[in-house]
Protein backbone atom coordinates (compact mmCIF):
# COMPACT_ATOMS: atom_id res chain seq x y z
CA UNK A 1 -0.02 0.00 -0.02
CA UNK A 2 1.26 3.49 -0.86
CA UNK A 3 1.79 5.84 2.03
CA UNK A 4 0.13 9.12 1.01
CA UNK A 5 2.49 11.06 3.25
CA UNK A 6 5.37 10.00 1.01
CA UNK A 7 3.72 11.26 -2.15
CA UNK A 8 4.80 14.70 -3.34
CA UNK A 9 2.10 16.51 -5.31
CA UNK A 10 4.90 17.73 -7.64
CA UNK A 11 5.54 14.11 -8.56
CA UNK A 12 2.00 13.75 -9.87
CA UNK A 13 2.41 16.92 -11.91
CA UNK A 14 5.64 15.43 -13.39
CA UNK A 15 3.76 12.21 -14.19
CA UNK A 16 0.97 14.24 -15.88
CA UNK A 17 3.53 16.12 -17.99
CA UNK A 18 5.22 12.88 -19.05
CA UNK A 19 1.94 11.29 -20.06
CA UNK A 20 1.04 14.37 -22.14
CA UNK A 21 4.42 14.94 -23.84
CA UNK A 22 5.85 11.38 -24.10
CA UNK A 23 9.33 12.94 -23.95
CA UNK A 24 11.50 13.73 -20.92
CA UNK A 25 12.85 17.08 -22.26
CA UNK A 26 9.44 18.38 -23.44
CA UNK A 27 7.88 17.31 -20.14
CA UNK A 28 10.54 19.18 -18.11
CA UNK A 29 9.97 22.27 -20.21
CA UNK A 30 6.24 21.94 -19.78
CA UNK A 31 6.28 22.31 -16.01
CA UNK A 32 9.49 24.36 -15.71
CA UNK A 33 11.88 21.69 -14.30
CA UNK A 34 15.44 20.98 -15.40
CA UNK A 35 15.93 17.72 -17.15
CA UNK A 36 17.92 16.19 -14.23
CA UNK A 37 15.11 17.19 -11.88
CA UNK A 38 12.57 15.53 -14.19
CA UNK A 39 14.73 12.39 -14.31
CA UNK A 40 14.90 12.35 -10.54
CA UNK A 41 11.11 12.79 -10.37
CA UNK A 42 10.64 9.85 -12.69
CA UNK A 43 12.81 7.64 -10.48
CA UNK A 44 10.79 8.63 -7.43
CA UNK A 45 7.56 7.90 -9.26
CA UNK A 46 8.84 4.43 -10.14
CA UNK A 47 9.66 3.81 -6.53
CA UNK A 48 6.37 5.10 -5.32
CA UNK A 49 4.21 3.04 -7.72
CA UNK A 50 6.58 0.01 -7.85
CA UNK A 51 6.41 0.10 -11.68
CA UNK A 52 8.64 1.32 -14.50
CA UNK A 53 5.74 3.59 -15.67
CA UNK A 54 7.58 4.67 -18.78
CA UNK A 55 9.81 2.75 -21.19
CA UNK A 56 12.29 4.50 -23.44
CA UNK A 57 11.84 3.72 -27.14
CA UNK A 58 12.78 5.41 -30.43
CA UNK A 59 9.26 6.77 -30.46
CA UNK A 60 9.64 8.43 -27.03
CA UNK A 61 8.66 7.45 -23.48
CA UNK A 62 5.95 4.83 -23.85
CA UNK A 63 3.65 4.38 -20.73
CA UNK A 64 3.25 1.00 -19.23
CA UNK A 65 -0.20 -0.57 -18.64
CA UNK A 66 0.07 0.58 -14.97
CA UNK A 67 0.70 4.16 -16.04
CA UNK A 68 -2.17 4.13 -18.44
CA UNK A 69 -4.52 2.73 -15.71
CA UNK A 70 -3.65 5.37 -13.10
CA UNK A 71 -3.50 8.33 -15.43
CA UNK A 72 -7.24 9.26 -15.70
CA UNK A 73 -7.87 9.54 -11.90
CA UNK A 74 -4.56 11.41 -11.39
CA UNK A 75 -5.37 13.83 -14.17
CA UNK A 76 -8.89 14.42 -12.74
CA UNK A 77 -7.47 14.87 -9.23
CA UNK A 78 -4.93 17.40 -10.40
CA UNK A 79 -7.64 19.30 -12.28
CA UNK A 80 -9.83 19.34 -9.21
CA UNK A 81 -6.95 20.66 -7.07
CA UNK A 82 -6.22 23.41 -9.60
CA UNK A 83 -9.92 24.28 -9.71
CA UNK A 84 -10.05 24.50 -5.97
CA UNK A 85 -6.95 26.76 -5.79
CA UNK A 86 -8.39 29.20 -8.35
CA UNK A 87 -12.00 28.96 -7.23
CA UNK A 88 -13.55 32.38 -7.19
CA UNK A 89 -11.27 33.70 -9.93
CA UNK A 90 -13.46 34.73 -12.86
CA UNK A 91 -12.23 34.07 -16.33
CA UNK A 92 -11.56 37.33 -18.26
CA UNK A 93 -11.65 36.51 -22.02
CA UNK A 94 -10.48 40.03 -22.95
CA UNK A 95 -7.19 39.49 -21.03
CA UNK A 96 -6.73 35.72 -21.29
CA UNK A 97 -4.34 33.73 -23.48
CA UNK A 98 -6.22 30.37 -23.88
CA UNK A 99 -6.57 27.72 -26.54
CA UNK A 100 -9.76 25.64 -26.40
CA UNK A 101 -9.98 22.17 -28.01
CA UNK A 102 -13.03 20.40 -29.32
CA UNK A 103 -13.42 16.94 -30.81
CA UNK A 104 -16.35 16.90 -33.22
CA UNK A 105 -17.30 15.78 -36.70
CA UNK A 106 -17.72 17.60 -40.00
CA UNK A 107 -21.31 18.52 -39.02
CA UNK A 108 -20.10 20.66 -36.10
CA UNK A 109 -17.34 22.27 -38.12
CA UNK A 110 -19.69 23.15 -40.95
CA UNK A 111 -22.65 24.61 -39.03
CA UNK A 112 -21.16 25.89 -35.81
CA UNK A 113 -17.43 26.51 -36.17
CA UNK A 114 -17.72 29.81 -38.03
CA UNK A 115 -20.20 31.44 -35.61
CA UNK A 116 -18.14 30.12 -32.64
CA UNK A 117 -14.85 31.48 -33.96
CA UNK A 118 -16.48 34.81 -34.59
CA UNK A 119 -17.70 34.94 -30.99
CA UNK A 120 -14.24 34.05 -29.70
CA UNK A 121 -12.58 36.68 -31.86
CA UNK A 122 -14.88 39.40 -30.46
CA UNK A 123 -14.43 38.11 -26.88
CA UNK A 124 -10.60 38.28 -26.76
CA UNK A 125 -7.58 38.46 -29.03
CA UNK A 126 -5.79 35.84 -27.00
CA UNK A 127 -8.41 33.17 -27.52
CA UNK A 128 -8.05 30.37 -30.06
CA UNK A 129 -9.76 27.05 -30.93
CA UNK A 130 -8.54 23.82 -32.33
CA UNK A 131 -10.78 20.96 -33.54
CA UNK A 132 -10.01 17.32 -34.10
CA UNK A 133 -12.07 14.45 -35.50
CA UNK A 134 -14.15 12.01 -33.52
CA UNK A 135 -12.43 8.79 -32.72
CA UNK A 136 -13.45 5.43 -31.30
CA UNK A 137 -11.89 6.42 -27.94
CA UNK A 138 -13.77 9.69 -27.34
CA UNK A 139 -14.54 8.60 -23.77
CA UNK A 140 -10.87 7.98 -23.07
CA UNK A 141 -9.92 11.32 -24.54
CA UNK A 142 -12.43 12.99 -22.28
CA UNK A 143 -11.32 11.12 -19.22
CA UNK A 144 -7.73 12.07 -19.90
CA UNK A 145 -8.79 15.69 -20.62
CA UNK A 146 -7.00 15.64 -23.96
CA UNK A 147 -9.74 17.83 -25.25
CA UNK A 148 -11.99 20.33 -23.55
CA UNK A 149 -15.20 19.16 -25.20
CA UNK A 150 -16.53 16.39 -27.37
CA UNK A 151 -19.62 17.28 -29.40
CA UNK A 152 -21.35 14.25 -30.79
CA UNK A 153 -24.80 12.55 -31.08
CA UNK A 154 -23.42 9.47 -29.28
CA UNK A 155 -23.28 9.91 -25.51
CA UNK A 156 -21.11 7.44 -23.62
CA UNK A 157 -22.51 6.15 -20.34
CA UNK A 158 -19.87 7.06 -17.71
CA UNK A 159 -19.87 8.71 -14.33
CA UNK A 160 -16.54 10.31 -15.17
CA UNK A 161 -17.95 12.84 -17.63
CA UNK A 162 -20.63 15.51 -17.75
CA UNK A 163 -23.08 15.86 -20.70
CA UNK A 164 -25.42 18.55 -21.76
CA UNK A 165 -27.75 18.51 -24.75
CA UNK A 166 -27.11 21.65 -26.85
CA UNK A 167 -29.52 20.94 -29.68
CA UNK A 168 -31.09 18.39 -31.91
CA UNK A 169 -30.87 17.62 -35.60
CA UNK A 170 -33.41 16.26 -38.07
CA UNK A 171 -32.13 13.80 -40.71
CA UNK A 172 -33.07 14.02 -44.40
CA UNK A 173 -32.43 11.71 -47.40
CA UNK A 174 -30.78 13.39 -50.33
CA UNK A 175 -30.75 12.46 -54.05
CA UNK A 176 -29.73 14.29 -57.25
CA UNK A 177 -32.21 16.38 -59.14
CA UNK A 178 -33.68 14.28 -61.94
CA UNK A 179 -33.06 10.90 -60.19
CA UNK A 180 -34.85 8.37 -62.40
CA UNK A 181 -36.70 6.54 -59.52
CA UNK A 182 -37.10 9.02 -56.69
CA UNK A 183 -38.34 12.19 -58.22
CA UNK A 184 -39.43 14.60 -55.53
CA UNK A 185 -43.04 15.56 -55.22
CA UNK A 186 -43.95 18.59 -53.14
CA UNK A 187 -44.45 16.35 -50.10
CA UNK A 188 -40.84 15.23 -50.17
CA UNK A 189 -41.97 11.68 -49.28
CA UNK A 190 -39.97 8.49 -49.87
CA UNK A 191 -41.15 5.01 -48.97
CA UNK A 192 -38.92 2.66 -47.03
CA UNK A 193 -39.20 0.21 -49.97
CA UNK A 194 -37.84 2.93 -52.39
CA UNK A 195 -35.14 3.90 -49.89
CA UNK A 196 -33.80 0.32 -49.36
CA UNK A 197 -34.00 -0.44 -53.12
CA UNK A 198 -31.37 2.18 -53.96
CA UNK A 199 -27.59 2.24 -53.45
CA UNK A 200 -26.20 4.46 -50.67
CA UNK A 201 -23.24 6.54 -49.70
CA UNK A 202 -21.94 5.62 -46.29
CA UNK A 203 -19.76 7.30 -43.64
CA UNK A 204 -16.99 5.27 -41.89
CA UNK A 205 -18.23 2.93 -39.19
CA UNK A 206 -18.21 4.32 -35.67
CA UNK A 207 -18.44 0.82 -34.17
CA UNK A 208 -17.76 -2.69 -35.44
CA UNK A 209 -21.42 -3.52 -35.73
CA UNK A 210 -23.28 -0.32 -36.76
CA UNK A 211 -22.89 2.66 -39.02
CA UNK A 212 -23.17 6.23 -37.95
CA UNK A 213 -26.82 6.28 -39.11
CA UNK A 214 -27.74 3.28 -37.04
CA UNK A 215 -25.93 4.73 -34.01
CA UNK A 216 -27.73 7.99 -34.52
CA UNK A 217 -31.06 6.26 -34.70
CA UNK A 218 -30.50 4.52 -31.44
CA UNK A 219 -29.53 1.12 -32.84
CA UNK A 220 -32.17 0.67 -35.53
CA UNK A 221 -30.64 -1.31 -38.41
CA UNK A 222 -31.41 -0.71 -42.07
CA UNK A 223 -30.07 -3.18 -44.65
CA UNK A 224 -28.78 -0.59 -47.06
CA UNK A 225 -26.83 -1.33 -50.29
CA UNK A 226 -23.31 0.13 -49.90
CA UNK A 227 -22.14 1.92 -53.10
CA UNK A 228 -19.51 4.20 -51.71
CA UNK A 229 -17.94 5.41 -48.50
CA UNK A 230 -16.68 9.01 -47.78
CA UNK A 231 -15.02 10.57 -44.79
CA UNK A 232 -17.59 13.19 -43.94
CA UNK A 233 -21.05 14.59 -44.63
CA UNK A 234 -19.88 17.36 -46.98
CA UNK A 235 -18.20 14.79 -49.22
CA UNK A 236 -21.52 13.07 -49.72
CA UNK A 237 -23.00 15.99 -51.67
CA UNK A 238 -20.85 15.98 -54.84
CA UNK A 239 -21.02 12.11 -54.95
CA UNK A 240 -24.84 12.19 -54.72
CA UNK A 241 -25.14 15.06 -57.20
CA UNK A 242 -23.15 13.05 -59.82
CA UNK A 243 -24.78 9.57 -59.31
CA UNK A 244 -28.02 7.86 -58.58
CA UNK A 245 -26.92 7.07 -54.99
CA UNK A 246 -28.81 8.25 -51.88
CA UNK A 247 -27.38 9.55 -48.62
CA UNK A 248 -28.62 10.59 -45.18
CA UNK A 249 -27.45 13.87 -43.62
CA UNK A 250 -28.52 16.45 -41.10
CA UNK A 251 -31.05 18.96 -42.39
CA UNK A 252 -28.92 21.98 -41.54
CA UNK A 253 -26.06 20.64 -43.71
CA UNK A 254 -28.39 20.04 -46.61
CA UNK A 255 -29.66 23.63 -46.47
CA UNK A 256 -26.14 24.96 -46.06
CA UNK A 257 -24.91 23.31 -49.24
CA UNK A 258 -28.08 22.91 -51.30
CA UNK A 259 -27.46 25.97 -53.53
CA UNK A 260 -24.05 24.61 -54.57
CA UNK A 261 -25.38 21.23 -55.76
CA UNK A 262 -28.36 20.05 -57.81
CA UNK A 263 -29.82 17.91 -55.09
CA UNK A 264 -33.24 17.29 -53.59
CA UNK A 265 -34.29 16.12 -50.12
CA UNK A 266 -36.81 13.71 -48.72
CA UNK A 267 -38.18 12.95 -45.27
CA UNK A 268 -36.55 9.91 -43.73
CA UNK A 269 -38.84 7.01 -44.70
CA UNK A 270 -39.64 6.04 -41.11
CA UNK A 271 -40.70 8.52 -38.41
CA UNK A 272 -37.81 9.37 -36.12
CA UNK A 273 -37.36 11.94 -33.43
CA UNK A 274 -34.70 14.64 -33.91
CA UNK A 275 -31.22 13.36 -33.08
CA UNK A 276 -29.88 14.96 -29.85
CA UNK A 277 -26.54 16.77 -30.09
CA UNK A 278 -24.44 16.41 -26.88
CA UNK A 279 -21.66 18.52 -25.47
CA UNK A 280 -19.48 16.45 -23.07
CA UNK A 281 -16.55 17.18 -20.82
CA UNK A 282 -14.59 15.59 -17.95
CA UNK A 283 -15.76 15.94 -14.36
CA UNK A 284 -12.44 17.54 -13.51
CA UNK A 285 -13.21 20.54 -15.70
CA UNK A 286 -16.68 21.10 -14.28
CA UNK A 287 -15.66 24.05 -12.05
CA UNK A 288 -12.85 25.51 -14.13
CA UNK A 289 -13.91 29.12 -14.88
CA UNK A 290 -12.41 29.22 -18.39
CA UNK A 291 -14.06 25.99 -19.31
CA UNK A 292 -17.38 27.05 -17.89
CA UNK A 293 -17.23 30.25 -19.88
CA UNK A 294 -16.44 28.26 -23.08
CA UNK A 295 -19.32 25.79 -22.45
CA UNK A 296 -21.72 28.74 -22.20
CA UNK A 297 -20.34 30.15 -25.40
CA UNK A 298 -20.86 26.91 -27.24
CA UNK A 299 -24.42 26.65 -25.94
CA UNK A 300 -25.15 30.27 -26.99
CA UNK A 301 -23.86 29.54 -30.50
CA UNK A 302 -25.99 26.33 -30.69
CA UNK A 303 -29.05 28.28 -29.55
CA UNK A 304 -28.50 30.72 -32.39
CA UNK A 305 -28.32 28.19 -35.20
CA UNK A 306 -31.08 28.47 -37.76
CA UNK A 307 -33.81 25.81 -37.31
CA UNK A 308 -34.84 24.50 -40.70
CA UNK A 309 -38.25 22.95 -40.94
CA UNK A 310 -38.43 19.76 -43.02
C-alpha cells in the first residue's frame, strides 16, 4: 500500500507532464523543471508506484499498462486541485491567453465553427480554438482531458464525464435532381421500400457493428446497399449530385450546401425523433472558470443556429 505522506504532489504533476508529452525534455519544459530534476522525479515515481511507468523507445517514453491505468484519476485529481486553488477567480476573456480544444465531426465544423470562432474573436484576441475528429476512444480522450469538449450525437455512459444537450438535428435523405426513380413531389416523401432499393453513400463505421446512421437512430438497423464510403457529410454531396446514390445527412447541412449542388431532399422513410446533439466534458473541468465560460459560449452559438423545418 502506498503511504500518502510519502507522495509529493509535484511528482503527480511530473507524471501528468510525461503522459502528455511522451518525452523527458518536453515534459520538463512543460512544467518548468530542469531535465535532471525531471529524471529524478521519474525515479521517485517508479519507486512510489513500484512500476517502471515509462519505457524508453525510439518513439519516445511509452507508458506501461500501470501508467495508463492510473492516469485518468490522477489527471482528474490534479484538475480538481487546480480548480479549488483558483476557485472564485473569474475568467476574463479579454485578457486571457487560452486555446480551447473540441473533438467533433464535420457537421459541427460546418454549421457551428464559423459562428463560434466569430464569438471568440470578439471576446478576446488571445483566444483560439482547435478541432479534431471524433475517434473510437472519445470517452478516453475526455477522461484524460486531452480535449476540452466532445460534441457528438453518441453519449457514452460514464460517471466520469458530464453531458449537456445543446440541440437536436433532423435527418433527411438526399438524391440528385432528376433521379430516375425517386423524383421529388412537393411532399418530399420517400417510402422505405424505395429507400432500401437504392444504393447508398456511407460514412465510416463508428463501431464494429453499426454505421453512424444506425448509432444516431438508437440502434435501428437498415439493410442498405453500400455503393460508396466517404469521410464526412460534406463529401456526400458531390457524390450524390453526380450519381443515382442516396445519402442521409443532417437537415442543416443540406440547407447549407443545397445551392451549390443540384440535389433534392426527402423525409426519412420512417418517423424518427430529432437526433440529440451532446456537449461532453470531464468531471475535472466542471468548475474551471475558463471551461465554464467556453461551455456557455458553445451553448449560446448552438441556440442561435437556424432551425430548418423539413
